[in-house]
Amino acid sequence: MADYKSMYYRLFNRVADAITILQTAHQEGENAFVESQNDTVIRLAEKQDESEDS
């Protein structure tokens, strides 16, 4: 019989590890952006909702 409790804990820990990796990558990306020498900010136009045009 499969040990579902053990399998669940293993899955939970792996998912938690993946979340930590993604959070770290996100933070590193933000830090790289803040520390970059490029002071130019480009504002993108907002997409209009098609239902408002009707």
C-alpha atoms as a PDB file:
ATOM      1  CA  MET A   1       0.000   0.000   0.000  1.00  0.00           C
ATOM      2  CA  ALA A   2       1.266   3.453  -0.874  1.00  0.00           C
ATOM      3  CA  ASP A   3       2.436   5.706   1.931  1.00  0.00           C
ATOM      4  CA  TYR A   4       0.276   8.712   1.039  1.00  0.00           C
ATOM      5  CA  LYS A   5       1.296  10.720   4.095  1.00  0.00           C
ATOM      6  CA  SER A   6       4.966  10.478   3.134  1.00  0.00           C
ATOM      7  CA  MET A   7       4.172  11.304  -0.493  1.00  0.00           C
ATOM      8  CA  TYR A   8       2.124  14.337   0.563  1.00  0.00           C
ATOM      9  CA  TYR A   9       4.886  15.681   2.816  1.00  0.00           C
ATOM     10  CA  ARG A  10       7.455  15.211   0.065  1.00  0.00           C
ATOM     11  CA  LEU A  11       5.223  17.056  -2.420  1.00  0.00           C
ATOM     12  CA  PHE A  12       4.527  19.840   0.074  1.00  0.00           C
ATOM     13  CA  ASN A  13       8.227  20.353   0.733  1.00  0.00           C
ATOM     14  CA  ARG A  14       9.072  20.404  -2.973  1.00  0.00           C
ATOM     15  CA  VAL A  15       6.336  22.966  -3.657  1.00  0.00           C
ATOM     16  CA  ALA A  16       7.592  25.101  -0.777  1.00  0.00           C
ATOM     17  CA  ASP A  17      11.124  24.891  -2.223  1.00  0.00           C
ATOM     18  CA  ALA A  18       9.839  25.942  -5.659  1.00  0.00           C
ATOM     19  CA  ILE A  19       8.025  28.935  -4.165  1.00  0.00           C
ATOM     20  CA  THR A  20      11.197  30.008  -2.368  1.00  0.00           C
ATOM     21  CA  ILE A  21      13.197  29.742  -5.603  1.00  0.00           C
ATOM     22  CA  LEU A  22      10.635  31.859  -7.467  1.00  0.00           C
ATOM     23  CA  GLN A  23      10.513  34.484  -4.712  1.00  0.00           C
ATOM     24  CA  THR A  24      14.311  34.723  -4.690  1.00  0.00           C
ATOM     25  CA  ALA A  25      14.447  35.083  -8.483  1.00  0.00           C
ATOM     26  CA  HIS A  26      11.772  37.783  -8.335  1.00  0.00           C
ATOM     27  CA  GLN A  27      13.650  39.712  -5.655  1.00  0.00           C
ATOM     28  CA  GLU A  28      16.932  39.435  -7.569  1.00  0.00           C
ATOM     29  CA  GLY A  29      15.223  40.765 -10.686  1.00  0.00           C
ATOM     30  CA  GLU A  30      13.804  43.715  -8.773  1.00  0.00           C
ATOM     31  CA  ASN A  31      17.206  44.454  -7.249  1.00  0.00           C
ATOM     32  CA  ALA A  32      18.892  44.307 -10.656  1.00  0.00           C
ATOM     33  CA  PHE A  33      16.322  46.749 -12.041  1.00  0.00           C
ATOM     34  CA  VAL A  34      16.721  49.181  -9.158  1.00  0.00           C
ATOM     35  CA  GLU A  35      20.521  49.053  -9.350  1.00  0.00           C
ATOM     36  CA  SER A  36      20.680  49.433 -13.132  1.00  0.00           C
ATOM     37  CA  GLN A  37      22.072  52.609 -14.626  1.00  0.00           C
ATOM     38  CA  ASN A  38      19.157  52.961 -17.028  1.00  0.00           C
ATOM     39  CA  ASP A  39      17.027  55.782 -15.633  1.00  0.00           C
ATOM     40  CA  THR A  40      14.637  55.786 -18.582  1.00  0.00           C
ATOM     41  CA  VAL A  41      11.132  54.685 -17.707  1.00  0.00           C
ATOM     42  CA  ILE A  42       8.744  53.806 -20.503  1.00  0.00           C
ATOM     43  CA  ARG A  43       5.061  54.074 -19.689  1.00  0.00           C
ATOM     44  CA  LEU A  44       2.938  51.622 -21.580  1.00  0.00           C
ATOM     45  CA  ALA A  45      -0.532  52.594 -22.773  1.00  0.00           C
ATOM     46  CA  GLU A  46      -3.362  50.893 -20.946  1.00  0.00           C
ATOM     47  CA  LYS A  47      -5.462  48.480 -22.929  1.00  0.00           C
ATOM     48  CA  GLN A  48      -9.051  49.619 -23.154  1.00  0.00           C
ATOM     49  CA  ASP A  49     -11.768  47.151 -22.317  1.00  0.00           C
ATOM     50  CA  GLU A  50     -13.656  46.247 -25.498  1.00  0.00           C
ATOM     51  CA  SER A  51     -17.003  46.225 -23.640  1.00  0.00           C
ATOM     52  CA  GLU A  52     -16.678  49.977 -22.981  1.00  0.00           C
ATOM     53  CA  ASP A  53     -16.687  50.717 -26.725  1.00  0.00           C
ATOM     54  CA  SER A  54     -20.135  49.175 -27.290  1.00  0.00           C
END
